[in-house]
Amino acid sequence: LGEINDMPKIDAPFVRKENENGDYVIIDEINEGYEWVFENDNVMAIEKLDGTNVSVIIKDGHITAVFNRKNRVPAFNTSKDFITRGLLNSMDRGYLNLEDGQWYGELIGPKVQGNPYKLDEHLWIPFQRYAWKHLKYKSWGKYPKTFESINKWFKDGLIPLFYSNIHGVGFDEARENCTPEGIMFTDPDTKKMAKLRYDMFEWYQG
């Protein structure tokens, strides 16, 4: 199979410090090495899906291996059969029409993280081929890229883009049924990523 890479560790673009409650929350200070989030105009803000990380190895147009992080998922492992079903469902939707290589994505559905998207079946959502195209917040970059502005963006409520897309409903109805986990800031040129979740904010209660 060659070298199998785990999804790299992704940090917040702001410094996190422990508060009086013992929670690590972000403060108004850019995390060293993450200046690109605010300086690079190509950076995209993508809805962060709440699932489990799964990567697939494609060779000669076929899936040759599946990994949950760095743990290989056997095709007939009953404890992980929902991953196999999710991949098959995504194959039917054309999400696995990918070139040879290792592709990362998020496995979501009834048996994952409480199923916040209210799906009847499991799905594997590839980051580059689906999320970058369909889950990008077009408002990113139209407002100041400051801590204050981003803090207000989260407080006002992120639009659940995936829920809206997959169920074919408007943003208002999507908001009534789902709250996004957060945002993945992604530089499509360098593949650098940073993440912000609701639970990283001082004011978050949940």
N, C-alpha and C. Protein backbone atom coordinates (compact mmCIF):
# COMPACT_ATOMS: atom_id res chain seq x y z
N LEU A 1 0.81 -1.22 0.00
CA LEU A 1 0.00 0.00 0.00
C LEU A 1 0.84 1.27 0.00
N GLY A 2 2.11 1.15 0.40
CA GLY A 2 2.92 2.35 0.54
C GLY A 2 2.61 3.05 1.85
N GLU A 3 3.08 4.26 1.99
CA GLU A 3 2.87 4.99 3.24
C GLU A 3 1.43 5.49 3.35
N ILE A 4 0.81 5.20 4.51
CA ILE A 4 -0.54 5.66 4.79
C ILE A 4 -0.45 6.82 5.76
N ASN A 5 -1.01 7.95 5.38
CA ASN A 5 -0.94 9.13 6.22
C ASN A 5 -2.23 9.36 6.97
N ASP A 6 -2.11 9.64 8.26
CA ASP A 6 -3.28 10.02 9.04
C ASP A 6 -3.62 11.47 8.71
N MET A 7 -4.86 11.85 8.95
CA MET A 7 -5.25 13.24 8.78
C MET A 7 -4.38 14.08 9.71
N PRO A 8 -3.71 15.11 9.19
CA PRO A 8 -2.81 15.89 10.05
C PRO A 8 -3.56 16.60 11.17
N LYS A 9 -2.85 16.84 12.27
CA LYS A 9 -3.45 17.55 13.40
C LYS A 9 -3.81 18.97 12.96
N ILE A 10 -5.01 19.38 13.26
CA ILE A 10 -5.50 20.69 12.85
C ILE A 10 -5.79 21.53 14.08
N ASP A 11 -5.21 22.71 14.14
CA ASP A 11 -5.35 23.57 15.30
C ASP A 11 -6.26 24.75 14.98
N ALA A 12 -6.56 25.54 16.00
CA ALA A 12 -7.37 26.74 15.82
C ALA A 12 -6.48 27.89 15.33
N PRO A 13 -7.04 28.82 14.57
CA PRO A 13 -6.24 29.96 14.10
C PRO A 13 -5.99 30.98 15.20
N PHE A 14 -6.70 30.85 16.32
CA PHE A 14 -6.48 31.73 17.47
C PHE A 14 -5.86 30.93 18.62
N VAL A 15 -5.12 31.63 19.46
CA VAL A 15 -4.52 31.01 20.63
C VAL A 15 -5.62 30.53 21.57
N ARG A 16 -5.41 29.36 22.17
CA ARG A 16 -6.36 28.83 23.16
C ARG A 16 -5.70 28.83 24.53
N LYS A 17 -6.46 29.27 25.52
CA LYS A 17 -5.97 29.28 26.90
C LYS A 17 -7.03 28.71 27.83
N GLU A 18 -6.60 28.16 28.94
CA GLU A 18 -7.51 27.57 29.91
C GLU A 18 -8.20 28.67 30.70
N ASN A 19 -9.52 28.60 30.78
CA ASN A 19 -10.25 29.58 31.58
C ASN A 19 -10.48 29.06 33.00
N GLU A 20 -11.22 29.79 33.78
CA GLU A 20 -11.42 29.44 35.18
C GLU A 20 -12.22 28.15 35.35
N ASN A 21 -12.93 27.74 34.30
CA ASN A 21 -13.70 26.49 34.36
C ASN A 21 -12.89 25.28 33.87
N GLY A 22 -11.65 25.52 33.47
CA GLY A 22 -10.81 24.43 32.99
C GLY A 22 -11.00 24.12 31.52
N ASP A 23 -11.74 24.99 30.80
CA ASP A 23 -11.95 24.80 29.37
C ASP A 23 -10.91 25.58 28.59
N TYR A 24 -10.45 25.01 27.47
CA TYR A 24 -9.51 25.71 26.61
C TYR A 24 -10.30 26.48 25.56
N VAL A 25 -10.28 27.79 25.68
CA VAL A 25 -11.07 28.65 24.80
C VAL A 25 -10.14 29.58 24.03
N ILE A 26 -10.64 30.03 22.88
CA ILE A 26 -9.83 30.93 22.06
C ILE A 26 -9.86 32.35 22.62
N ILE A 27 -8.76 33.08 22.39
CA ILE A 27 -8.66 34.48 22.78
C ILE A 27 -8.31 35.29 21.55
N ASP A 28 -8.37 36.61 21.67
CA ASP A 28 -8.13 37.52 20.55
C ASP A 28 -6.62 37.65 20.30
N GLU A 29 -6.03 36.55 19.84
CA GLU A 29 -4.60 36.52 19.52
C GLU A 29 -4.38 35.43 18.47
N ILE A 30 -3.78 35.79 17.35
CA ILE A 30 -3.57 34.83 16.27
C ILE A 30 -2.54 33.78 16.68
N ASN A 31 -2.86 32.52 16.43
CA ASN A 31 -1.97 31.41 16.72
C ASN A 31 -0.76 31.49 15.78
N GLU A 32 0.42 31.39 16.35
CA GLU A 32 1.63 31.51 15.55
C GLU A 32 1.65 30.43 14.44
N GLY A 33 1.90 30.88 13.24
CA GLY A 33 1.91 29.97 12.10
C GLY A 33 0.58 29.89 11.37
N TYR A 34 -0.44 30.55 11.90
CA TYR A 34 -1.77 30.51 11.28
C TYR A 34 -2.19 31.88 10.72
N GLU A 35 -1.21 32.74 10.51
CA GLU A 35 -1.51 34.05 9.93
C GLU A 35 -2.13 33.93 8.55
N TRP A 36 -1.83 32.82 7.85
CA TRP A 36 -2.33 32.63 6.49
C TRP A 36 -3.86 32.63 6.42
N VAL A 37 -4.50 32.22 7.52
CA VAL A 37 -5.98 32.19 7.53
C VAL A 37 -6.54 33.58 7.23
N PHE A 38 -5.88 34.59 7.74
CA PHE A 38 -6.39 35.96 7.64
C PHE A 38 -5.73 36.77 6.52
N GLU A 39 -4.58 36.30 6.04
CA GLU A 39 -3.82 37.08 5.06
C GLU A 39 -4.01 36.58 3.63
N ASN A 40 -4.30 35.31 3.44
CA ASN A 40 -4.39 34.74 2.10
C ASN A 40 -5.82 34.84 1.58
N ASP A 41 -5.99 35.54 0.48
CA ASP A 41 -7.33 35.74 -0.08
C ASP A 41 -7.93 34.47 -0.67
N ASN A 42 -7.11 33.43 -0.90
CA ASN A 42 -7.62 32.18 -1.46
C ASN A 42 -8.24 31.26 -0.41
N VAL A 43 -8.05 31.58 0.86
CA VAL A 43 -8.54 30.71 1.93
C VAL A 43 -10.06 30.63 1.90
N MET A 44 -10.57 29.41 2.06
CA MET A 44 -12.01 29.16 2.07
C MET A 44 -12.46 28.82 3.49
N ALA A 45 -13.66 29.22 3.83
CA ALA A 45 -14.28 28.83 5.09
C ALA A 45 -15.31 27.75 4.77
N ILE A 46 -15.05 26.53 5.23
CA ILE A 46 -15.87 25.37 4.90
C ILE A 46 -16.59 24.87 6.15
N GLU A 47 -17.86 24.52 6.01
CA GLU A 47 -18.57 23.96 7.15
C GLU A 47 -17.87 22.68 7.64
N LYS A 48 -17.61 22.61 8.93
CA LYS A 48 -16.97 21.43 9.51
C LYS A 48 -18.05 20.39 9.83
N LEU A 49 -17.94 19.22 9.23
CA LEU A 49 -18.92 18.17 9.46
C LEU A 49 -18.58 17.40 10.74
N ASP A 50 -19.61 17.02 11.45
CA ASP A 50 -19.46 16.33 12.73
C ASP A 50 -19.64 14.83 12.51
N GLY A 51 -18.52 14.16 12.21
CA GLY A 51 -18.56 12.73 11.95
C GLY A 51 -17.29 12.06 12.41
N THR A 52 -16.81 11.08 11.66
CA THR A 52 -15.55 10.42 11.97
C THR A 52 -14.69 10.42 10.70
N ASN A 53 -13.41 10.67 10.87
CA ASN A 53 -12.52 10.80 9.72
C ASN A 53 -12.23 9.44 9.09
N VAL A 54 -12.48 9.34 7.81
CA VAL A 54 -12.23 8.11 7.06
C VAL A 54 -11.51 8.48 5.77
N SER A 55 -10.46 7.74 5.44
CA SER A 55 -9.78 7.95 4.17
C SER A 55 -9.84 6.68 3.33
N VAL A 56 -9.78 6.86 2.04
CA VAL A 56 -9.81 5.71 1.12
C VAL A 56 -8.58 5.77 0.22
N ILE A 57 -8.08 4.60 -0.12
CA ILE A 57 -6.98 4.49 -1.07
C ILE A 57 -7.58 4.05 -2.41
N ILE A 58 -7.38 4.85 -3.43
CA ILE A 58 -7.87 4.53 -4.77
C ILE A 58 -6.68 4.13 -5.64
N LYS A 59 -6.79 2.98 -6.31
CA LYS A 59 -5.75 2.53 -7.24
C LYS A 59 -6.43 1.95 -8.48
N ASP A 60 -6.03 2.45 -9.61
CA ASP A 60 -6.62 2.01 -10.88
C ASP A 60 -8.13 2.17 -10.87
N GLY A 61 -8.59 3.22 -10.22
CA GLY A 61 -10.02 3.52 -10.19
C GLY A 61 -10.84 2.72 -9.20
N HIS A 62 -10.18 1.91 -8.35
CA HIS A 62 -10.90 1.08 -7.39
C HIS A 62 -10.41 1.36 -5.96
N ILE A 63 -11.31 1.18 -4.99
CA ILE A 63 -10.92 1.29 -3.59
C ILE A 63 -10.13 0.04 -3.20
N THR A 64 -8.90 0.24 -2.76
CA THR A 64 -8.07 -0.89 -2.35
C THR A 64 -7.92 -0.98 -0.84
N ALA A 65 -8.23 0.09 -0.12
CA ALA A 65 -8.13 0.06 1.34
C ALA A 65 -8.92 1.23 1.91
N VAL A 66 -9.42 1.02 3.14
CA VAL A 66 -10.17 2.05 3.86
C VAL A 66 -9.58 2.19 5.25
N PHE A 67 -9.41 3.43 5.70
CA PHE A 67 -8.83 3.68 7.01
C PHE A 67 -9.70 4.62 7.83
N ASN A 68 -9.88 4.29 9.10
CA ASN A 68 -10.50 5.18 10.07
C ASN A 68 -9.33 5.73 10.90
N ARG A 69 -8.93 6.96 10.59
CA ARG A 69 -7.62 7.47 11.03
C ARG A 69 -6.54 6.55 10.45
N LYS A 70 -5.68 5.94 11.30
CA LYS A 70 -4.66 5.05 10.75
C LYS A 70 -5.02 3.58 10.93
N ASN A 71 -6.25 3.33 11.37
CA ASN A 71 -6.70 1.94 11.56
C ASN A 71 -7.40 1.45 10.30
N ARG A 72 -6.87 0.38 9.74
CA ARG A 72 -7.46 -0.16 8.52
C ARG A 72 -8.81 -0.78 8.84
N VAL A 73 -9.79 -0.54 8.00
CA VAL A 73 -11.15 -1.05 8.20
C VAL A 73 -11.34 -2.26 7.29
N PRO A 74 -11.42 -3.47 7.85
CA PRO A 74 -11.67 -4.67 7.03
C PRO A 74 -13.05 -4.59 6.38
N ALA A 75 -13.15 -5.09 5.19
CA ALA A 75 -14.40 -5.00 4.43
C ALA A 75 -15.56 -5.72 5.12
N PHE A 76 -15.25 -6.78 5.87
CA PHE A 76 -16.33 -7.58 6.47
C PHE A 76 -16.28 -7.55 8.00
N ASN A 77 -15.81 -6.43 8.54
CA ASN A 77 -15.81 -6.24 9.99
C ASN A 77 -17.18 -5.72 10.41
N THR A 78 -17.95 -6.54 11.09
CA THR A 78 -19.34 -6.16 11.41
C THR A 78 -19.41 -4.94 12.32
N SER A 79 -18.38 -4.70 13.14
CA SER A 79 -18.41 -3.54 14.04
C SER A 79 -18.21 -2.24 13.27
N LYS A 80 -17.69 -2.34 12.05
CA LYS A 80 -17.46 -1.15 11.23
C LYS A 80 -18.22 -1.22 9.90
N ASP A 81 -19.25 -2.07 9.84
CA ASP A 81 -19.93 -2.23 8.56
C ASP A 81 -20.65 -0.96 8.12
N PHE A 82 -20.94 -0.06 9.07
CA PHE A 82 -21.60 1.19 8.68
C PHE A 82 -20.67 2.05 7.83
N ILE A 83 -19.36 1.90 8.01
CA ILE A 83 -18.40 2.63 7.17
C ILE A 83 -18.48 2.11 5.74
N THR A 84 -18.50 0.78 5.61
CA THR A 84 -18.61 0.18 4.28
C THR A 84 -19.91 0.60 3.59
N ARG A 85 -21.01 0.60 4.36
CA ARG A 85 -22.29 1.00 3.77
C ARG A 85 -22.26 2.48 3.36
N GLY A 86 -21.62 3.30 4.18
CA GLY A 86 -21.51 4.72 3.86
C GLY A 86 -20.75 4.95 2.57
N LEU A 87 -19.67 4.18 2.38
CA LEU A 87 -18.90 4.31 1.15
C LEU A 87 -19.70 3.85 -0.07
N LEU A 88 -20.44 2.76 0.09
CA LEU A 88 -21.27 2.28 -1.01
C LEU A 88 -22.36 3.29 -1.37
N ASN A 89 -22.96 3.90 -0.36
CA ASN A 89 -23.98 4.92 -0.61
C ASN A 89 -23.37 6.12 -1.34
N SER A 90 -22.16 6.50 -0.93
CA SER A 90 -21.50 7.63 -1.57
C SER A 90 -21.06 7.29 -2.99
N MET A 91 -20.71 6.02 -3.20
CA MET A 91 -20.36 5.58 -4.55
C MET A 91 -21.55 5.74 -5.48
N ASP A 92 -22.74 5.39 -4.97
CA ASP A 92 -23.96 5.53 -5.77
C ASP A 92 -24.22 6.99 -6.15
N ARG A 93 -23.78 7.91 -5.28
CA ARG A 93 -23.99 9.34 -5.52
C ARG A 93 -22.87 9.95 -6.36
N GLY A 94 -21.86 9.16 -6.69
CA GLY A 94 -20.77 9.67 -7.51
C GLY A 94 -19.66 10.35 -6.73
N TYR A 95 -19.71 10.27 -5.38
CA TYR A 95 -18.71 10.95 -4.57
C TYR A 95 -17.34 10.26 -4.64
N LEU A 96 -17.30 9.02 -5.13
CA LEU A 96 -16.05 8.27 -5.16
C LEU A 96 -15.45 8.19 -6.56
N ASN A 97 -15.87 9.06 -7.43
CA ASN A 97 -15.24 9.16 -8.75
C ASN A 97 -13.96 9.99 -8.60
N LEU A 98 -12.93 9.35 -8.07
CA LEU A 98 -11.70 10.04 -7.68
C LEU A 98 -10.49 9.44 -8.39
N GLU A 99 -9.45 10.26 -8.54
CA GLU A 99 -8.21 9.78 -9.14
C GLU A 99 -7.47 8.90 -8.12
N ASP A 100 -6.46 8.20 -8.58
CA ASP A 100 -5.66 7.35 -7.70
C ASP A 100 -4.99 8.18 -6.61
N GLY A 101 -4.94 7.62 -5.40
CA GLY A 101 -4.31 8.30 -4.28
C GLY A 101 -5.09 8.08 -3.00
N GLN A 102 -4.68 8.77 -1.94
CA GLN A 102 -5.37 8.70 -0.66
C GLN A 102 -6.26 9.94 -0.53
N TRP A 103 -7.53 9.69 -0.26
CA TRP A 103 -8.51 10.78 -0.17
C TRP A 103 -9.15 10.77 1.22
N TYR A 104 -9.21 11.96 1.82
CA TYR A 104 -9.79 12.10 3.15
C TYR A 104 -11.23 12.58 3.06
N GLY A 105 -12.02 12.15 4.03
CA GLY A 105 -13.41 12.59 4.09
C GLY A 105 -13.99 12.35 5.46
N GLU A 106 -15.26 12.71 5.61
CA GLU A 106 -15.95 12.54 6.88
C GLU A 106 -17.10 11.57 6.70
N LEU A 107 -17.15 10.55 7.55
CA LEU A 107 -18.22 9.56 7.52
C LEU A 107 -19.29 10.03 8.50
N ILE A 108 -20.50 10.23 8.02
CA ILE A 108 -21.61 10.71 8.86
C ILE A 108 -22.81 9.79 8.69
N GLY A 109 -23.73 9.88 9.64
CA GLY A 109 -24.93 9.05 9.53
C GLY A 109 -25.46 8.59 10.87
N PRO A 110 -26.40 7.64 10.86
CA PRO A 110 -27.13 7.23 12.07
C PRO A 110 -26.26 6.76 13.23
N LYS A 111 -25.11 6.15 12.96
CA LYS A 111 -24.28 5.59 14.04
C LYS A 111 -23.09 6.48 14.41
N VAL A 112 -23.10 7.72 13.92
CA VAL A 112 -21.94 8.59 14.13
C VAL A 112 -22.36 9.90 14.80
N GLN A 113 -21.78 10.15 15.97
CA GLN A 113 -21.93 11.44 16.67
C GLN A 113 -23.39 11.85 16.88
N GLY A 114 -24.25 10.89 17.09
CA GLY A 114 -25.65 11.21 17.36
C GLY A 114 -26.45 11.65 16.14
N ASN A 115 -25.85 11.51 14.96
CA ASN A 115 -26.55 11.80 13.70
C ASN A 115 -27.18 13.20 13.67
N PRO A 116 -26.35 14.27 13.82
CA PRO A 116 -26.90 15.62 13.84
C PRO A 116 -27.57 16.04 12.54
N TYR A 117 -27.28 15.33 11.43
CA TYR A 117 -27.85 15.71 10.14
C TYR A 117 -29.12 14.93 9.80
N LYS A 118 -29.55 14.10 10.78
CA LYS A 118 -30.80 13.36 10.65
C LYS A 118 -30.86 12.56 9.34
N LEU A 119 -29.81 11.80 9.08
CA LEU A 119 -29.73 10.98 7.88
C LEU A 119 -30.32 9.59 8.13
N ASP A 120 -30.92 9.02 7.11
CA ASP A 120 -31.44 7.65 7.19
C ASP A 120 -30.37 6.63 6.82
N GLU A 121 -29.29 7.09 6.19
CA GLU A 121 -28.22 6.21 5.75
C GLU A 121 -26.88 6.90 6.01
N HIS A 122 -25.82 6.10 6.04
CA HIS A 122 -24.49 6.66 6.22
C HIS A 122 -23.95 7.15 4.89
N LEU A 123 -23.14 8.20 4.96
CA LEU A 123 -22.51 8.75 3.78
C LEU A 123 -21.07 9.13 4.08
N TRP A 124 -20.22 8.97 3.09
CA TRP A 124 -18.84 9.45 3.19
C TRP A 124 -18.72 10.69 2.32
N ILE A 125 -18.31 11.81 2.95
CA ILE A 125 -18.23 13.08 2.25
C ILE A 125 -16.77 13.47 2.05
N PRO A 126 -16.26 13.40 0.82
CA PRO A 126 -14.86 13.76 0.57
C PRO A 126 -14.65 15.27 0.73
N PHE A 127 -13.55 15.61 1.41
CA PHE A 127 -13.29 17.02 1.68
C PHE A 127 -13.14 17.82 0.39
N GLN A 128 -12.21 17.39 -0.48
CA GLN A 128 -11.88 18.21 -1.64
C GLN A 128 -12.98 18.22 -2.69
N ARG A 129 -13.56 17.08 -2.97
CA ARG A 129 -14.49 16.99 -4.09
C ARG A 129 -15.93 17.39 -3.73
N TYR A 130 -16.29 17.33 -2.46
CA TYR A 130 -17.65 17.73 -2.08
C TYR A 130 -17.63 18.97 -1.20
N ALA A 131 -16.95 18.89 -0.06
CA ALA A 131 -17.01 19.98 0.91
C ALA A 131 -16.49 21.30 0.33
N TRP A 132 -15.37 21.24 -0.39
CA TRP A 132 -14.82 22.47 -0.94
C TRP A 132 -15.78 23.14 -1.92
N LYS A 133 -16.58 22.35 -2.57
CA LYS A 133 -17.49 22.88 -3.58
C LYS A 133 -18.85 23.28 -3.02
N HIS A 134 -19.40 22.44 -2.14
CA HIS A 134 -20.78 22.63 -1.71
C HIS A 134 -20.94 23.22 -0.30
N LEU A 135 -19.88 23.22 0.50
CA LEU A 135 -20.02 23.65 1.89
C LEU A 135 -19.19 24.89 2.19
N LYS A 136 -18.94 25.68 1.17
CA LYS A 136 -18.13 26.89 1.32
C LYS A 136 -19.03 28.09 1.66
N TYR A 137 -18.64 28.82 2.72
CA TYR A 137 -19.38 30.02 3.11
C TYR A 137 -18.94 31.20 2.23
N LYS A 138 -19.84 31.67 1.40
CA LYS A 138 -19.52 32.74 0.47
C LYS A 138 -19.33 34.08 1.17
N SER A 139 -19.78 34.18 2.42
CA SER A 139 -19.65 35.43 3.15
C SER A 139 -18.24 35.65 3.69
N TRP A 140 -17.41 34.58 3.73
CA TRP A 140 -16.05 34.71 4.24
C TRP A 140 -15.25 35.66 3.35
N GLY A 141 -14.62 36.64 3.96
CA GLY A 141 -13.84 37.62 3.22
C GLY A 141 -14.60 38.88 2.90
N LYS A 142 -15.92 38.85 3.08
CA LYS A 142 -16.72 40.05 2.82
C LYS A 142 -16.82 40.93 4.06
N TYR A 143 -16.36 40.41 5.18
CA TYR A 143 -16.36 41.15 6.43
C TYR A 143 -14.94 41.12 6.99
N PRO A 144 -14.63 41.99 7.94
CA PRO A 144 -13.27 41.99 8.51
C PRO A 144 -12.91 40.63 9.09
N LYS A 145 -11.69 40.18 8.82
CA LYS A 145 -11.23 38.89 9.32
C LYS A 145 -10.60 39.09 10.70
N THR A 146 -11.44 39.52 11.61
CA THR A 146 -10.98 39.82 12.96
C THR A 146 -11.64 38.87 13.95
N PHE A 147 -11.06 38.79 15.14
CA PHE A 147 -11.65 37.96 16.19
C PHE A 147 -13.07 38.42 16.50
N GLU A 148 -13.26 39.72 16.61
CA GLU A 148 -14.59 40.27 16.93
C GLU A 148 -15.62 39.89 15.88
N SER A 149 -15.24 40.01 14.59
CA SER A 149 -16.16 39.71 13.51
C SER A 149 -16.49 38.22 13.46
N ILE A 150 -15.48 37.36 13.62
CA ILE A 150 -15.70 35.91 13.59
C ILE A 150 -16.50 35.47 14.80
N ASN A 151 -16.24 36.06 15.94
CA ASN A 151 -17.00 35.76 17.16
C ASN A 151 -18.48 36.07 16.95
N LYS A 152 -18.78 37.21 16.33
CA LYS A 152 -20.17 37.59 16.06
C LYS A 152 -20.80 36.64 15.04
N TRP A 153 -20.01 36.22 14.06
CA TRP A 153 -20.49 35.29 13.03
C TRP A 153 -20.99 34.01 13.68
N PHE A 154 -20.21 33.46 14.58
CA PHE A 154 -20.61 32.24 15.28
C PHE A 154 -21.81 32.51 16.19
N LYS A 155 -21.80 33.63 16.91
CA LYS A 155 -22.90 33.93 17.82
C LYS A 155 -24.23 34.09 17.09
N ASP A 156 -24.17 34.70 15.90
CA ASP A 156 -25.39 34.90 15.11
C ASP A 156 -25.92 33.58 14.56
N GLY A 157 -25.04 32.56 14.48
CA GLY A 157 -25.47 31.23 14.02
C GLY A 157 -25.03 30.92 12.61
N LEU A 158 -24.12 29.96 12.48
CA LEU A 158 -23.67 29.54 11.16
C LEU A 158 -24.80 28.83 10.41
N ILE A 159 -24.84 29.02 9.12
CA ILE A 159 -25.84 28.33 8.30
C ILE A 159 -25.44 26.86 8.15
N PRO A 160 -26.35 25.94 8.43
CA PRO A 160 -26.06 24.50 8.22
C PRO A 160 -26.14 24.15 6.73
N LEU A 161 -25.07 24.42 6.01
CA LEU A 161 -25.09 24.24 4.55
C LEU A 161 -25.34 22.80 4.15
N PHE A 162 -24.68 21.86 4.85
CA PHE A 162 -24.85 20.45 4.46
C PHE A 162 -26.28 20.00 4.71
N TYR A 163 -26.83 20.33 5.86
CA TYR A 163 -28.21 19.92 6.16
C TYR A 163 -29.15 20.50 5.10
N SER A 164 -28.95 21.75 4.74
CA SER A 164 -29.79 22.38 3.72
C SER A 164 -29.67 21.66 2.38
N ASN A 165 -28.42 21.32 2.01
CA ASN A 165 -28.20 20.65 0.72
C ASN A 165 -28.80 19.25 0.68
N ILE A 166 -28.51 18.45 1.72
CA ILE A 166 -28.87 17.04 1.69
C ILE A 166 -30.37 16.82 1.84
N HIS A 167 -31.05 17.76 2.54
CA HIS A 167 -32.50 17.62 2.74
C HIS A 167 -33.31 18.50 1.79
N GLY A 168 -32.62 19.35 1.02
CA GLY A 168 -33.32 20.20 0.07
C GLY A 168 -34.23 21.21 0.72
N VAL A 169 -33.78 21.80 1.83
CA VAL A 169 -34.61 22.78 2.55
C VAL A 169 -33.87 24.12 2.60
N GLY A 170 -34.62 25.17 2.91
CA GLY A 170 -34.05 26.51 3.02
C GLY A 170 -33.20 26.66 4.27
N PHE A 171 -32.46 27.75 4.33
CA PHE A 171 -31.55 27.96 5.45
C PHE A 171 -32.29 28.10 6.79
N ASP A 172 -33.45 28.75 6.78
CA ASP A 172 -34.19 28.93 8.03
C ASP A 172 -34.62 27.59 8.61
N GLU A 173 -35.15 26.71 7.77
CA GLU A 173 -35.56 25.39 8.24
C GLU A 173 -34.35 24.57 8.68
N ALA A 174 -33.26 24.71 7.95
CA ALA A 174 -32.04 23.99 8.31
C ALA A 174 -31.54 24.42 9.69
N ARG A 175 -31.60 25.71 9.97
CA ARG A 175 -31.17 26.23 11.28
C ARG A 175 -32.03 25.69 12.41
N GLU A 176 -33.30 25.45 12.14
CA GLU A 176 -34.20 24.93 13.17
C GLU A 176 -33.87 23.49 13.53
N ASN A 177 -33.19 22.79 12.63
CA ASN A 177 -32.95 21.36 12.82
C ASN A 177 -31.50 20.98 13.07
N CYS A 178 -30.57 21.90 12.80
CA CYS A 178 -29.16 21.51 12.86
C CYS A 178 -28.28 22.72 13.15
N THR A 179 -27.27 22.51 13.97
CA THR A 179 -26.25 23.53 14.22
C THR A 179 -24.91 22.98 13.77
N PRO A 180 -24.24 23.66 12.84
CA PRO A 180 -22.93 23.17 12.38
C PRO A 180 -21.95 23.06 13.55
N GLU A 181 -21.01 22.14 13.43
CA GLU A 181 -20.01 22.00 14.48
C GLU A 181 -19.04 23.17 14.47
N GLY A 182 -18.80 23.73 13.30
CA GLY A 182 -17.87 24.83 13.20
C GLY A 182 -17.41 25.04 11.78
N ILE A 183 -16.18 25.53 11.62
CA ILE A 183 -15.63 25.88 10.31
C ILE A 183 -14.24 25.30 10.16
N MET A 184 -13.93 24.86 8.95
CA MET A 184 -12.58 24.49 8.56
C MET A 184 -12.07 25.56 7.60
N PHE A 185 -11.02 26.25 8.00
CA PHE A 185 -10.39 27.21 7.10
C PHE A 185 -9.36 26.45 6.27
N THR A 186 -9.47 26.55 4.95
CA THR A 186 -8.67 25.72 4.06
C THR A 186 -8.02 26.56 2.97
N ASP A 187 -6.71 26.39 2.81
CA ASP A 187 -5.99 27.00 1.70
C ASP A 187 -5.88 25.95 0.59
N PRO A 188 -6.62 26.11 -0.50
CA PRO A 188 -6.63 25.07 -1.53
C PRO A 188 -5.29 24.89 -2.24
N ASP A 189 -4.43 25.90 -2.16
CA ASP A 189 -3.13 25.82 -2.84
C ASP A 189 -2.12 25.02 -2.01
N THR A 190 -2.05 25.29 -0.72
CA THR A 190 -1.06 24.62 0.14
C THR A 190 -1.65 23.45 0.91
N LYS A 191 -2.99 23.31 0.89
CA LYS A 191 -3.73 22.27 1.63
C LYS A 191 -3.65 22.48 3.15
N LYS A 192 -3.19 23.65 3.59
CA LYS A 192 -3.19 23.94 5.01
C LYS A 192 -4.62 24.06 5.51
N MET A 193 -4.85 23.67 6.78
CA MET A 193 -6.18 23.75 7.36
C MET A 193 -6.11 24.26 8.80
N ALA A 194 -7.16 24.91 9.22
CA ALA A 194 -7.33 25.33 10.62
C ALA A 194 -8.81 25.15 10.94
N LYS A 195 -9.11 24.97 12.22
CA LYS A 195 -10.51 24.72 12.57
C LYS A 195 -10.97 25.61 13.72
N LEU A 196 -12.25 25.94 13.68
CA LEU A 196 -12.91 26.64 14.77
C LEU A 196 -14.23 25.93 15.04
N ARG A 197 -14.41 25.53 16.30
CA ARG A 197 -15.67 24.90 16.71
C ARG A 197 -16.39 25.83 17.69
N TYR A 198 -17.69 25.64 17.79
CA TYR A 198 -18.46 26.42 18.75
C TYR A 198 -17.92 26.27 20.16
N ASP A 199 -17.51 25.05 20.52
CA ASP A 199 -17.08 24.81 21.90
C ASP A 199 -15.71 25.42 22.22
N MET A 200 -15.11 26.11 21.27
CA MET A 200 -13.85 26.82 21.53
C MET A 200 -14.07 28.24 22.03
N PHE A 201 -15.31 28.71 21.96
CA PHE A 201 -15.61 30.08 22.38
C PHE A 201 -15.98 30.14 23.86
N GLU A 202 -15.57 31.23 24.49
CA GLU A 202 -15.81 31.41 25.93
C GLU A 202 -17.28 31.38 26.27
N TRP A 203 -18.11 31.91 25.40
CA TRP A 203 -19.54 32.06 25.70
C TRP A 203 -20.34 30.79 25.44
N TYR A 204 -19.73 29.79 24.79
CA TYR A 204 -20.48 28.59 24.38
C TYR A 204 -20.96 27.80 25.58
N GLN A 205 -22.21 27.36 25.51
CA GLN A 205 -22.77 26.45 26.52
C GLN A 205 -23.47 25.31 25.79
N GLY A 206 -23.04 24.07 26.07
CA GLY A 206 -23.65 22.95 25.37
C GLY A 206 -23.05 21.66 25.83
